[in-house]
């Protein structure tokens, strides 16, 4: 399912127009700077927990040594922060059936 299909299903289930449903999806999931409720909370270092569905959070990866596969030289890979989603028990159980 892509974003357009998600918007169409959300509009059908909730009775919202497609434009309004698109606004709702964008308000939650937009990843552009300063946009998207979930992304903004992750930027702040907060978790977004949706009981039964899952938790969005961010983790920090330390700087480490690696190898350039083309040259074989040792390089330093910079530390970075990355997003994580952990599925909730209800979602895991449903998908496992």
C-alpha atoms as a PDB file:
ATOM      1  CA  UNK A   1       0.000   0.000   0.000  1.00  0.00           C
ATOM      2  CA  UNK A   2       1.333   3.424  -0.895  1.00  0.00           C
ATOM      3  CA  UNK A   3       0.385   6.834   0.472  1.00  0.00           C
ATOM      4  CA  UNK A   4      -2.367   7.424  -2.114  1.00  0.00           C
ATOM      5  CA  UNK A   5      -3.999   4.098  -1.279  1.00  0.00           C
ATOM      6  CA  UNK A   6      -3.694   4.811   2.449  1.00  0.00           C
ATOM      7  CA  UNK A   7      -5.389   8.197   1.995  1.00  0.00           C
ATOM      8  CA  UNK A   8      -8.204   6.626  -0.043  1.00  0.00           C
ATOM      9  CA  UNK A   9      -8.828   3.909   2.579  1.00  0.00           C
ATOM     10  CA  UNK A  10      -8.701   6.423   5.427  1.00  0.00           C
ATOM     11  CA  UNK A  11     -11.232   8.622   3.611  1.00  0.00           C
ATOM     12  CA  UNK A  12     -13.539   5.650   3.051  1.00  0.00           C
ATOM     13  CA  UNK A  13     -13.339   4.347   6.644  1.00  0.00           C
ATOM     14  CA  UNK A  14     -13.739   7.725   8.352  1.00  0.00           C
ATOM     15  CA  UNK A  15     -16.060   9.469   5.907  1.00  0.00           C
ATOM     16  CA  UNK A  16     -13.564  12.295   5.419  1.00  0.00           C
ATOM     17  CA  UNK A  17     -12.910  13.714   1.986  1.00  0.00           C
ATOM     18  CA  UNK A  18      -9.726  12.562   0.265  1.00  0.00           C
ATOM     19  CA  UNK A  19      -8.137  16.009   0.670  1.00  0.00           C
ATOM     20  CA  UNK A  20      -8.782  16.041   4.433  1.00  0.00           C
ATOM     21  CA  UNK A  21      -7.614  12.431   4.788  1.00  0.00           C
ATOM     22  CA  UNK A  22      -4.427  13.413   2.929  1.00  0.00           C
ATOM     23  CA  UNK A  23      -3.918  16.258   5.383  1.00  0.00           C
ATOM     24  CA  UNK A  24      -4.276  13.830   8.306  1.00  0.00           C
ATOM     25  CA  UNK A  25      -1.753  11.376   6.846  1.00  0.00           C
ATOM     26  CA  UNK A  26       0.694  14.207   6.115  1.00  0.00           C
ATOM     27  CA  UNK A  27       0.259  15.672   9.609  1.00  0.00           C
ATOM     28  CA  UNK A  28       1.260  12.343  11.127  1.00  0.00           C
ATOM     29  CA  UNK A  29       3.873  10.915   8.765  1.00  0.00           C
ATOM     30  CA  UNK A  30       5.524  13.784   6.849  1.00  0.00           C
ATOM     31  CA  UNK A  31       9.308  13.488   7.191  1.00  0.00           C
ATOM     32  CA  UNK A  32      10.282  16.933   5.863  1.00  0.00           C
ATOM     33  CA  UNK A  33      11.991  19.242   8.395  1.00  0.00           C
ATOM     34  CA  UNK A  34       9.473  20.858  10.729  1.00  0.00           C
ATOM     35  CA  UNK A  35       6.621  18.690   9.444  1.00  0.00           C
ATOM     36  CA  UNK A  36       4.994  15.482  10.667  1.00  0.00           C
ATOM     37  CA  UNK A  37       3.998  14.923  14.284  1.00  0.00           C
ATOM     38  CA  UNK A  38       5.924  11.661  14.616  1.00  0.00           C
ATOM     39  CA  UNK A  39       9.122  13.045  13.049  1.00  0.00           C
ATOM     40  CA  UNK A  40       9.012  16.179  15.210  1.00  0.00           C
ATOM     41  CA  UNK A  41       8.732  14.085  18.372  1.00  0.00           C
ATOM     42  CA  UNK A  42      11.632  11.855  17.267  1.00  0.00           C
ATOM     43  CA  UNK A  43      13.729  14.982  16.576  1.00  0.00           C
ATOM     44  CA  UNK A  44      13.150  15.990  20.208  1.00  0.00           C
ATOM     45  CA  UNK A  45      14.271  12.550  21.403  1.00  0.00           C
ATOM     46  CA  UNK A  46      10.766  11.549  22.489  1.00  0.00           C
ATOM     47  CA  UNK A  47       8.981   8.263  21.849  1.00  0.00           C
ATOM     48  CA  UNK A  48       5.606   7.978  20.145  1.00  0.00           C
ATOM     49  CA  UNK A  49       3.735   4.977  21.560  1.00  0.00           C
ATOM     50  CA  UNK A  50       0.485   3.740  20.058  1.00  0.00           C
ATOM     51  CA  UNK A  51      -0.760   0.993  22.398  1.00  0.00           C
ATOM     52  CA  UNK A  52      -1.327  -2.293  20.610  1.00  0.00           C
ATOM     53  CA  UNK A  53       0.283  -1.007  17.405  1.00  0.00           C
ATOM     54  CA  UNK A  54       3.852  -0.088  18.297  1.00  0.00           C
ATOM     55  CA  UNK A  55       6.387   2.500  19.354  1.00  0.00           C
ATOM     56  CA  UNK A  56       8.404   4.912  17.232  1.00  0.00           C
ATOM     57  CA  UNK A  57      11.685   5.991  18.835  1.00  0.00           C
ATOM     58  CA  UNK A  58      15.206   7.009  17.908  1.00  0.00           C
ATOM     59  CA  UNK A  59      18.550   5.517  18.836  1.00  0.00           C
ATOM     60  CA  UNK A  60      22.110   6.751  18.684  1.00  0.00           C
ATOM     61  CA  UNK A  61      24.832   4.764  16.954  1.00  0.00           C
ATOM     62  CA  UNK A  62      28.379   5.481  18.118  1.00  0.00           C
ATOM     63  CA  UNK A  63      31.170   6.374  15.724  1.00  0.00           C
ATOM     64  CA  UNK A  64      33.061   3.309  14.588  1.00  0.00           C
ATOM     65  CA  UNK A  65      35.818   2.077  12.318  1.00  0.00           C
ATOM     66  CA  UNK A  66      34.971   0.474   8.997  1.00  0.00           C
ATOM     67  CA  UNK A  67      36.560  -0.400   5.687  1.00  0.00           C
ATOM     68  CA  UNK A  68      36.061   1.179   2.299  1.00  0.00           C
ATOM     69  CA  UNK A  69      35.146  -1.863   0.176  1.00  0.00           C
ATOM     70  CA  UNK A  70      36.622  -0.320  -2.974  1.00  0.00           C
ATOM     71  CA  UNK A  71      40.060   0.503  -1.551  1.00  0.00           C
ATOM     72  CA  UNK A  72      40.261  -1.590   1.621  1.00  0.00           C
ATOM     73  CA  UNK A  73      41.347   1.478   3.614  1.00  0.00           C
ATOM     74  CA  UNK A  74      40.148   1.920   7.188  1.00  0.00           C
ATOM     75  CA  UNK A  75      37.675   4.779   7.568  1.00  0.00           C
ATOM     76  CA  UNK A  76      35.805   6.338  10.462  1.00  0.00           C
ATOM     77  CA  UNK A  77      32.046   6.063  10.209  1.00  0.00           C
ATOM     78  CA  UNK A  78      30.436   9.022  11.964  1.00  0.00           C
ATOM     79  CA  UNK A  79      28.025   8.684  14.865  1.00  0.00           C
ATOM     80  CA  UNK A  80      24.402   9.103  13.902  1.00  0.00           C
ATOM     81  CA  UNK A  81      20.862   9.078  15.214  1.00  0.00           C
ATOM     82  CA  UNK A  82      18.364   6.813  13.464  1.00  0.00           C
ATOM     83  CA  UNK A  83      14.619   6.047  13.738  1.00  0.00           C
ATOM     84  CA  UNK A  84      13.306   2.736  15.080  1.00  0.00           C
ATOM     85  CA  UNK A  85       9.850   1.157  15.081  1.00  0.00           C
ATOM     86  CA  UNK A  86       9.034  -1.658  17.472  1.00  0.00           C
ATOM     87  CA  UNK A  87       5.751  -3.441  16.797  1.00  0.00           C
ATOM     88  CA  UNK A  88       3.378  -3.879  19.732  1.00  0.00           C
ATOM     89  CA  UNK A  89       2.177  -7.275  20.952  1.00  0.00           C
ATOM     90  CA  UNK A  90      -1.309  -6.947  19.453  1.00  0.00           C
ATOM     91  CA  UNK A  91       0.112  -6.126  16.003  1.00  0.00           C
ATOM     92  CA  UNK A  92       2.698  -8.921  16.219  1.00  0.00           C
ATOM     93  CA  UNK A  93       0.031 -11.457  17.197  1.00  0.00           C
ATOM     94  CA  UNK A  94      -2.295 -10.353  14.395  1.00  0.00           C
ATOM     95  CA  UNK A  95       0.374 -10.553  11.695  1.00  0.00           C
ATOM     96  CA  UNK A  96       1.619 -13.923  12.966  1.00  0.00           C
ATOM     97  CA  UNK A  97      -1.773 -15.595  12.372  1.00  0.00           C
END
